[in-house]
Amino acid sequence: MRIPCPFCGDRGNEEFTVLGAAGLARPAPEADDAAWHDYVHLRDNPAGAHRELWHHVFGCRAWLVVERDTRTHAVLSVTPAKERAA
């Protein structure tokens, strides 16, 4: 899979590491055990377009939001994570 880094250009996915879903909200520190269990262990496994956080570890070291189709691994868009809406 090739990822078009907005800073370095088109790169192989072996230069990156993936964190997970871009829209995942961390519970408040005082949240109960059930909320933390769900956050740590329960993840959706979507088929189709999905937004993920990727880190360009062996390049510019930027965090990126990569939208890709999980069925084909086609990259639909890449934006710097600092530009994403909160």
N, C-alpha and C. Protein backbone atom coordinates (compact mmCIF):
# COMPACT_ATOMS: atom_id res chain seq x y z
N MET A 1 0.85 -1.17 0.00
CA MET A 1 0.00 0.00 0.00
C MET A 1 0.90 1.24 0.00
N ARG A 2 0.55 2.22 -0.79
CA ARG A 2 1.28 3.48 -0.88
C ARG A 2 0.46 4.58 -0.20
N ILE A 3 1.12 5.42 0.59
CA ILE A 3 0.47 6.52 1.28
C ILE A 3 1.09 7.82 0.79
N PRO A 4 0.28 8.71 0.23
CA PRO A 4 0.81 9.99 -0.25
C PRO A 4 0.96 10.98 0.90
N CYS A 5 2.13 10.99 1.54
CA CYS A 5 2.39 11.92 2.64
C CYS A 5 2.36 13.35 2.09
N PRO A 6 1.61 14.26 2.74
CA PRO A 6 1.55 15.63 2.23
C PRO A 6 2.89 16.37 2.32
N PHE A 7 3.84 15.84 3.09
CA PHE A 7 5.13 16.49 3.27
C PHE A 7 6.26 15.80 2.50
N CYS A 8 6.20 14.48 2.36
CA CYS A 8 7.29 13.70 1.76
C CYS A 8 6.96 13.11 0.40
N GLY A 9 5.70 13.13 0.02
CA GLY A 9 5.30 12.52 -1.24
C GLY A 9 4.86 11.08 -1.03
N ASP A 10 4.72 10.36 -2.12
CA ASP A 10 4.22 8.98 -2.11
C ASP A 10 5.25 8.05 -1.46
N ARG A 11 4.81 7.31 -0.41
CA ARG A 11 5.71 6.42 0.33
C ARG A 11 5.05 5.07 0.58
N GLY A 12 5.85 4.05 0.79
CA GLY A 12 5.33 2.73 1.14
C GLY A 12 4.84 2.70 2.58
N ASN A 13 3.85 1.88 2.85
CA ASN A 13 3.28 1.84 4.19
C ASN A 13 4.26 1.32 5.25
N GLU A 14 5.36 0.70 4.84
CA GLU A 14 6.34 0.22 5.81
C GLU A 14 7.05 1.38 6.53
N GLU A 15 6.93 2.61 6.01
CA GLU A 15 7.51 3.78 6.68
C GLU A 15 6.61 4.31 7.80
N PHE A 16 5.40 3.77 7.91
CA PHE A 16 4.40 4.30 8.83
C PHE A 16 4.02 3.28 9.89
N THR A 17 3.42 3.77 10.95
CA THR A 17 2.76 2.92 11.92
C THR A 17 1.35 3.47 12.12
N VAL A 18 0.41 2.59 12.36
CA VAL A 18 -0.99 3.01 12.49
C VAL A 18 -1.39 2.96 13.96
N LEU A 19 -2.10 3.99 14.41
CA LEU A 19 -2.58 4.05 15.79
C LEU A 19 -3.97 3.44 15.89
N GLY A 20 -4.84 3.73 14.95
CA GLY A 20 -6.21 3.22 14.98
C GLY A 20 -7.18 4.28 14.48
N ALA A 21 -8.43 4.12 14.83
CA ALA A 21 -9.49 5.01 14.36
C ALA A 21 -9.21 6.46 14.73
N ALA A 22 -9.41 7.35 13.78
CA ALA A 22 -9.13 8.77 13.99
C ALA A 22 -10.16 9.45 14.87
N GLY A 23 -11.36 8.95 14.94
CA GLY A 23 -12.40 9.62 15.70
C GLY A 23 -12.64 9.05 17.09
N LEU A 24 -11.76 8.19 17.56
CA LEU A 24 -11.95 7.53 18.84
C LEU A 24 -11.74 8.52 19.98
N ALA A 25 -12.73 8.62 20.87
CA ALA A 25 -12.67 9.57 21.99
C ALA A 25 -12.25 8.84 23.26
N ARG A 26 -11.19 9.31 23.88
CA ARG A 26 -10.67 8.73 25.12
C ARG A 26 -11.60 9.12 26.27
N PRO A 27 -11.93 8.18 27.16
CA PRO A 27 -12.79 8.52 28.31
C PRO A 27 -12.07 9.47 29.27
N ALA A 28 -12.85 10.18 30.06
CA ALA A 28 -12.28 11.05 31.09
C ALA A 28 -11.53 10.18 32.10
N PRO A 29 -10.47 10.72 32.74
CA PRO A 29 -9.71 9.92 33.71
C PRO A 29 -10.57 9.34 34.83
N GLU A 30 -11.63 10.03 35.19
CA GLU A 30 -12.49 9.56 36.28
C GLU A 30 -13.60 8.61 35.81
N ALA A 31 -13.57 8.22 34.53
CA ALA A 31 -14.61 7.32 34.00
C ALA A 31 -14.54 5.97 34.71
N ASP A 32 -15.67 5.26 34.71
CA ASP A 32 -15.72 3.96 35.38
C ASP A 32 -14.98 2.89 34.58
N ASP A 33 -14.78 1.74 35.20
CA ASP A 33 -14.04 0.64 34.58
C ASP A 33 -14.68 0.17 33.28
N ALA A 34 -16.00 0.19 33.20
CA ALA A 34 -16.69 -0.26 32.00
C ALA A 34 -16.35 0.63 30.81
N ALA A 35 -16.30 1.94 31.03
CA ALA A 35 -15.96 2.87 29.94
C ALA A 35 -14.54 2.64 29.45
N TRP A 36 -13.61 2.43 30.39
CA TRP A 36 -12.22 2.16 30.01
C TRP A 36 -12.07 0.81 29.32
N HIS A 37 -12.81 -0.19 29.77
CA HIS A 37 -12.79 -1.50 29.11
C HIS A 37 -13.24 -1.36 27.66
N ASP A 38 -14.33 -0.67 27.45
CA ASP A 38 -14.85 -0.49 26.09
C ASP A 38 -13.84 0.26 25.21
N TYR A 39 -13.22 1.29 25.76
CA TYR A 39 -12.24 2.09 25.00
C TYR A 39 -11.03 1.25 24.60
N VAL A 40 -10.54 0.45 25.51
CA VAL A 40 -9.32 -0.32 25.26
C VAL A 40 -9.57 -1.55 24.39
N HIS A 41 -10.69 -2.25 24.62
CA HIS A 41 -10.88 -3.57 24.01
C HIS A 41 -11.93 -3.67 22.90
N LEU A 42 -12.88 -2.77 22.84
CA LEU A 42 -13.95 -2.90 21.86
C LEU A 42 -13.73 -1.92 20.71
N ARG A 43 -13.49 -2.45 19.53
CA ARG A 43 -13.26 -1.63 18.34
C ARG A 43 -14.18 -2.09 17.22
N ASP A 44 -14.61 -1.13 16.42
CA ASP A 44 -15.36 -1.46 15.21
C ASP A 44 -14.39 -2.01 14.17
N ASN A 45 -14.88 -2.84 13.30
CA ASN A 45 -14.10 -3.38 12.20
C ASN A 45 -14.87 -3.11 10.91
N PRO A 46 -14.84 -1.85 10.45
CA PRO A 46 -15.68 -1.46 9.32
C PRO A 46 -15.20 -2.03 7.99
N ALA A 47 -16.14 -2.26 7.11
CA ALA A 47 -15.83 -2.63 5.73
C ALA A 47 -16.17 -1.42 4.88
N GLY A 48 -15.15 -0.83 4.28
CA GLY A 48 -15.37 0.37 3.47
C GLY A 48 -14.49 1.51 3.96
N ALA A 49 -14.92 2.73 3.69
CA ALA A 49 -14.14 3.92 4.04
C ALA A 49 -14.00 4.04 5.55
N HIS A 50 -12.78 4.31 5.99
CA HIS A 50 -12.47 4.39 7.42
C HIS A 50 -11.34 5.39 7.62
N ARG A 51 -11.46 6.26 8.64
CA ARG A 51 -10.42 7.25 8.94
C ARG A 51 -9.54 6.73 10.08
N GLU A 52 -8.20 6.76 9.85
CA GLU A 52 -7.25 6.24 10.82
C GLU A 52 -6.11 7.24 11.04
N LEU A 53 -5.51 7.18 12.23
CA LEU A 53 -4.32 7.98 12.52
C LEU A 53 -3.08 7.16 12.18
N TRP A 54 -2.22 7.72 11.35
CA TRP A 54 -0.96 7.08 10.97
C TRP A 54 0.19 8.01 11.33
N HIS A 55 1.31 7.45 11.76
CA HIS A 55 2.50 8.22 12.10
C HIS A 55 3.60 7.88 11.09
N HIS A 56 4.16 8.90 10.48
CA HIS A 56 5.22 8.69 9.48
C HIS A 56 6.56 8.56 10.22
N VAL A 57 6.77 7.41 10.81
CA VAL A 57 7.91 7.14 11.70
C VAL A 57 9.24 7.28 10.96
N PHE A 58 9.37 6.71 9.77
CA PHE A 58 10.63 6.71 9.04
C PHE A 58 10.65 7.77 7.95
N GLY A 59 10.00 8.90 8.21
CA GLY A 59 9.97 10.01 7.28
C GLY A 59 9.95 11.31 8.06
N CYS A 60 8.95 12.11 7.83
CA CYS A 60 8.86 13.44 8.43
C CYS A 60 8.36 13.41 9.88
N ARG A 61 7.94 12.24 10.37
CA ARG A 61 7.45 12.03 11.73
C ARG A 61 6.12 12.74 12.00
N ALA A 62 5.42 13.11 10.97
CA ALA A 62 4.12 13.78 11.12
C ALA A 62 3.03 12.75 11.42
N TRP A 63 2.02 13.19 12.16
CA TRP A 63 0.80 12.39 12.35
C TRP A 63 -0.17 12.77 11.25
N LEU A 64 -0.75 11.76 10.61
CA LEU A 64 -1.65 11.97 9.47
C LEU A 64 -2.97 11.28 9.70
N VAL A 65 -4.03 11.85 9.15
CA VAL A 65 -5.33 11.18 9.11
C VAL A 65 -5.45 10.60 7.71
N VAL A 66 -5.46 9.28 7.64
CA VAL A 66 -5.56 8.57 6.36
C VAL A 66 -6.95 7.97 6.26
N GLU A 67 -7.67 8.35 5.22
CA GLU A 67 -8.95 7.71 4.95
C GLU A 67 -8.70 6.68 3.86
N ARG A 68 -9.04 5.42 4.17
CA ARG A 68 -8.80 4.35 3.20
C ARG A 68 -9.98 3.39 3.20
N ASP A 69 -10.10 2.67 2.12
CA ASP A 69 -11.12 1.63 2.00
C ASP A 69 -10.52 0.36 2.57
N THR A 70 -11.09 -0.15 3.65
CA THR A 70 -10.53 -1.33 4.32
C THR A 70 -10.68 -2.60 3.49
N ARG A 71 -11.54 -2.58 2.47
CA ARG A 71 -11.71 -3.76 1.63
C ARG A 71 -10.62 -3.87 0.58
N THR A 72 -10.16 -2.72 0.06
CA THR A 72 -9.19 -2.73 -1.04
C THR A 72 -7.85 -2.08 -0.67
N HIS A 73 -7.79 -1.42 0.48
CA HIS A 73 -6.63 -0.65 0.93
C HIS A 73 -6.35 0.56 0.05
N ALA A 74 -7.32 0.96 -0.76
CA ALA A 74 -7.16 2.17 -1.57
C ALA A 74 -7.18 3.39 -0.64
N VAL A 75 -6.19 4.26 -0.75
CA VAL A 75 -6.13 5.47 0.05
C VAL A 75 -7.01 6.52 -0.61
N LEU A 76 -7.99 7.02 0.14
CA LEU A 76 -8.95 7.99 -0.39
C LEU A 76 -8.51 9.43 -0.14
N SER A 77 -7.89 9.69 1.02
CA SER A 77 -7.39 11.02 1.32
C SER A 77 -6.38 10.94 2.46
N VAL A 78 -5.49 11.94 2.50
CA VAL A 78 -4.49 12.04 3.58
C VAL A 78 -4.40 13.52 3.95
N THR A 79 -4.53 13.81 5.25
CA THR A 79 -4.39 15.18 5.73
C THR A 79 -3.56 15.17 7.02
N PRO A 80 -2.82 16.24 7.28
CA PRO A 80 -2.11 16.31 8.56
C PRO A 80 -3.11 16.26 9.71
N ALA A 81 -2.80 15.53 10.77
CA ALA A 81 -3.72 15.36 11.89
C ALA A 81 -4.02 16.68 12.57
N LYS A 82 -3.09 17.62 12.58
CA LYS A 82 -3.32 18.89 13.24
C LYS A 82 -4.39 19.71 12.53
N GLU A 83 -4.73 19.37 11.29
CA GLU A 83 -5.77 20.07 10.55
C GLU A 83 -7.15 19.46 10.71
N ARG A 84 -7.24 18.28 11.35
CA ARG A 84 -8.54 17.62 11.47
C ARG A 84 -9.43 18.36 12.45
N ALA A 85 -10.72 18.29 12.21
CA ALA A 85 -11.69 18.92 13.10
C ALA A 85 -11.76 18.13 14.40
N ALA A 86 -11.89 18.82 15.50
CA ALA A 86 -11.95 18.16 16.81
C ALA A 86 -13.29 17.53 17.03
